Amino acid sequence: MSDKSYEMIFCIINSGFSETVMDAAREAGARGGTVVRARGTAGKEAEELFKITVHPDKEVVMILVPKDIKDDVLSAIYKSTGIDTAGQGIAFSVAVNRTVGLG
């Protein structure tokens, strides 16, 4: 087990933007991530609320980072693929209680 504190960052973006997310995350200190293909379920209400066109094909990028760089990584991701970009991304983090297999 690791004594270091980690956070898991989740970024949900339009399909095809996962490399943009990872490039920004790496520049902010992240090492790597995992990409999962997904399908969004937002309807017309979300399009009207956010004034965007919702594309159903999504990618979810999961990035485990040390807690002390979480804010830098989130900020970099938002600048590169935030809701006002073609990636239309949202990102959030959750605390990780325990890890194994990390240095």
C-alpha atoms as a PDB file:
ATOM      1  CA  MET A   1       0.000   0.000   0.000  1.00  0.00           C
ATOM      2  CA  SER A   2       1.044   3.561  -0.662  1.00  0.00           C
ATOM      3  CA  ASP A   3       1.067   6.254   2.028  1.00  0.00           C
ATOM      4  CA  LYS A   4       0.878   8.992  -0.603  1.00  0.00           C
ATOM      5  CA  SER A   5      -2.520  10.658  -1.210  1.00  0.00           C
ATOM      6  CA  TYR A   6      -4.036  10.306  -4.670  1.00  0.00           C
ATOM      7  CA  GLU A   7      -7.052  11.645  -6.529  1.00  0.00           C
ATOM      8  CA  MET A   8      -8.809  10.088  -9.506  1.00  0.00           C
ATOM      9  CA  ILE A   9      -9.623  12.601 -12.225  1.00  0.00           C
ATOM     10  CA  PHE A  10     -12.457  11.751 -14.569  1.00  0.00           C
ATOM     11  CA  CYS A  11     -12.842  13.687 -17.792  1.00  0.00           C
ATOM     12  CA  ILE A  12     -15.824  13.111 -20.073  1.00  0.00           C
ATOM     13  CA  ILE A  13     -15.285  14.458 -23.587  1.00  0.00           C
ATOM     14  CA  ASN A  14     -16.585  14.074 -27.101  1.00  0.00           C
ATOM     15  CA  SER A  15     -15.118  11.069 -28.887  1.00  0.00           C
ATOM     16  CA  GLY A  16     -11.717  11.756 -30.421  1.00  0.00           C
ATOM     17  CA  PHE A  17     -10.386  14.170 -27.804  1.00  0.00           C
ATOM     18  CA  SER A  18      -8.748  11.777 -25.333  1.00  0.00           C
ATOM     19  CA  GLU A  19      -5.230  12.477 -26.650  1.00  0.00           C
ATOM     20  CA  THR A  20      -5.807  16.214 -26.199  1.00  0.00           C
ATOM     21  CA  VAL A  21      -6.806  15.543 -22.591  1.00  0.00           C
ATOM     22  CA  MET A  22      -3.772  13.334 -21.983  1.00  0.00           C
ATOM     23  CA  ASP A  23      -1.356  15.817 -23.593  1.00  0.00           C
ATOM     24  CA  ALA A  24      -2.604  18.564 -21.269  1.00  0.00           C
ATOM     25  CA  ALA A  25      -2.563  16.253 -18.236  1.00  0.00           C
ATOM     26  CA  ARG A  26       1.008  15.112 -18.938  1.00  0.00           C
ATOM     27  CA  GLU A  27       2.192  18.714 -19.279  1.00  0.00           C
ATOM     28  CA  ALA A  28       0.753  19.330 -15.802  1.00  0.00           C
ATOM     29  CA  GLY A  29       2.569  16.333 -14.315  1.00  0.00           C
ATOM     30  CA  ALA A  30       0.291  13.320 -14.844  1.00  0.00           C
ATOM     31  CA  ARG A  31       1.946  10.123 -16.030  1.00  0.00           C
ATOM     32  CA  GLY A  32      -0.820   8.344 -17.919  1.00  0.00           C
ATOM     33  CA  GLY A  33      -4.468   7.457 -17.978  1.00  0.00           C
ATOM     34  CA  THR A  34      -7.106   5.030 -19.127  1.00  0.00           C
ATOM     35  CA  VAL A  35      -9.644   5.767 -21.848  1.00  0.00           C
ATOM     36  CA  VAL A  36     -13.082   4.154 -21.922  1.00  0.00           C
ATOM     37  CA  ARG A  37     -15.533   4.615 -24.792  1.00  0.00           C
ATOM     38  CA  ALA A  38     -18.971   5.731 -23.663  1.00  0.00           C
ATOM     39  CA  ARG A  39     -22.309   6.986 -24.876  1.00  0.00           C
ATOM     40  CA  GLY A  40     -23.903  10.097 -23.385  1.00  0.00           C
ATOM     41  CA  THR A  41     -27.583  10.264 -22.501  1.00  0.00           C
ATOM     42  CA  ALA A  42     -28.104  14.020 -22.238  1.00  0.00           C
ATOM     43  CA  GLY A  43     -31.242  15.236 -23.950  1.00  0.00           C
ATOM     44  CA  LYS A  44     -32.534  18.473 -25.416  1.00  0.00           C
ATOM     45  CA  GLU A  45     -32.839  19.975 -21.933  1.00  0.00           C
ATOM     46  CA  ALA A  46     -29.058  19.819 -21.466  1.00  0.00           C
ATOM     47  CA  GLU A  47     -28.481  21.308 -24.911  1.00  0.00           C
ATOM     48  CA  GLU A  48     -30.754  24.219 -24.089  1.00  0.00           C
ATOM     49  CA  LEU A  49     -29.315  24.727 -20.602  1.00  0.00           C
ATOM     50  CA  PHE A  50     -25.659  24.726 -21.699  1.00  0.00           C
ATOM     51  CA  LYS A  51     -26.333  26.146 -25.183  1.00  0.00           C
ATOM     52  CA  ILE A  52     -24.346  23.368 -26.857  1.00  0.00           C
ATOM     53  CA  THR A  53     -25.031  20.485 -29.190  1.00  0.00           C
ATOM     54  CA  VAL A  54     -24.581  17.229 -27.300  1.00  0.00           C
ATOM     55  CA  HIS A  55     -22.746  14.522 -29.235  1.00  0.00           C
ATOM     56  CA  PRO A  56     -23.679  11.069 -27.904  1.00  0.00           C
ATOM     57  CA  ASP A  57     -20.301   9.388 -28.580  1.00  0.00           C
ATOM     58  CA  LYS A  58     -18.045  10.079 -25.613  1.00  0.00           C
ATOM     59  CA  GLU A  59     -14.739   9.045 -24.100  1.00  0.00           C
ATOM     60  CA  VAL A  60     -14.047   8.925 -20.383  1.00  0.00           C
ATOM     61  CA  VAL A  61     -10.428   9.506 -19.417  1.00  0.00           C
ATOM     62  CA  MET A  62      -9.437   8.346 -15.933  1.00  0.00           C
ATOM     63  CA  ILE A  63      -6.177   9.703 -14.536  1.00  0.00           C
ATOM     64  CA  LEU A  64      -4.775   8.800 -11.119  1.00  0.00           C
ATOM     65  CA  VAL A  65      -2.616  11.666  -9.842  1.00  0.00           C
ATOM     66  CA  PRO A  66      -0.914  12.645  -6.595  1.00  0.00           C
ATOM     67  CA  LYS A  67      -3.225  14.949  -4.662  1.00  0.00           C
ATOM     68  CA  ASP A  68      -0.745  17.832  -4.777  1.00  0.00           C
ATOM     69  CA  ILE A  69      -0.974  18.165  -8.607  1.00  0.00           C
ATOM     70  CA  LYS A  70      -4.710  17.535  -8.965  1.00  0.00           C
ATOM     71  CA  ASP A  71      -5.674  21.199  -9.359  1.00  0.00           C
ATOM     72  CA  ASP A  72      -2.960  21.814 -11.960  1.00  0.00           C
ATOM     73  CA  VAL A  73      -4.078  18.800 -13.991  1.00  0.00           C
ATOM     74  CA  LEU A  74      -7.769  19.743 -13.783  1.00  0.00           C
ATOM     75  CA  SER A  75      -6.973  23.296 -14.884  1.00  0.00           C
ATOM     76  CA  ALA A  76      -4.864  22.105 -17.823  1.00  0.00           C
ATOM     77  CA  ILE A  77      -7.584  19.707 -18.948  1.00  0.00           C
ATOM     78  CA  TYR A  78     -10.238  22.412 -18.753  1.00  0.00           C
ATOM     79  CA  LYS A  79      -8.135  24.840 -20.800  1.00  0.00           C
ATOM     80  CA  SER A  80      -7.582  22.273 -23.543  1.00  0.00           C
ATOM     81  CA  THR A  81     -10.963  20.515 -23.694  1.00  0.00           C
ATOM     82  CA  GLY A  82     -13.434  22.402 -21.507  1.00  0.00           C
ATOM     83  CA  ILE A  83     -17.126  22.800 -22.190  1.00  0.00           C
ATOM     84  CA  ASP A  84     -16.497  25.811 -24.472  1.00  0.00           C
ATOM     85  CA  THR A  85     -14.165  23.846 -26.770  1.00  0.00           C
ATOM     86  CA  ALA A  86     -14.867  21.275 -29.486  1.00  0.00           C
ATOM     87  CA  GLY A  87     -14.156  18.551 -26.915  1.00  0.00           C
ATOM     88  CA  GLN A  88     -16.994  19.875 -24.731  1.00  0.00           C
ATOM     89  CA  GLY A  89     -15.378  18.267 -21.715  1.00  0.00           C
ATOM     90  CA  ILE A  90     -16.258  18.197 -18.079  1.00  0.00           C
ATOM     91  CA  ALA A  91     -13.804  17.019 -15.460  1.00  0.00           C
ATOM     92  CA  PHE A  92     -13.977  16.233 -11.778  1.00  0.00           C
ATOM     93  CA  SER A  93     -11.949  14.400  -9.181  1.00  0.00           C
ATOM     94  CA  VAL A  94     -12.678  12.010  -6.358  1.00  0.00           C
ATOM     95  CA  ALA A  95     -10.506  11.123  -3.422  1.00  0.00           C
ATOM     96  CA  VAL A  96      -8.814   7.724  -3.477  1.00  0.00           C
ATOM     97  CA  ASN A  97      -8.717   6.014  -0.088  1.00  0.00           C
ATOM     98  CA  ARG A  98      -6.164   3.293  -0.802  1.00  0.00           C
ATOM     99  CA  THR A  99      -3.837   2.222  -3.573  1.00  0.00           C
ATOM    100  CA  VAL A 100      -1.714  -0.835  -4.208  1.00  0.00           C
ATOM    101  CA  GLY A 101       0.870  -1.438  -6.877  1.00  0.00           C
ATOM    102  CA  LEU A 102       2.121   2.147  -6.967  1.00  0.00           C
ATOM    103  CA  GLY A 103       5.680   3.186  -6.138  1.00  0.00           C
END
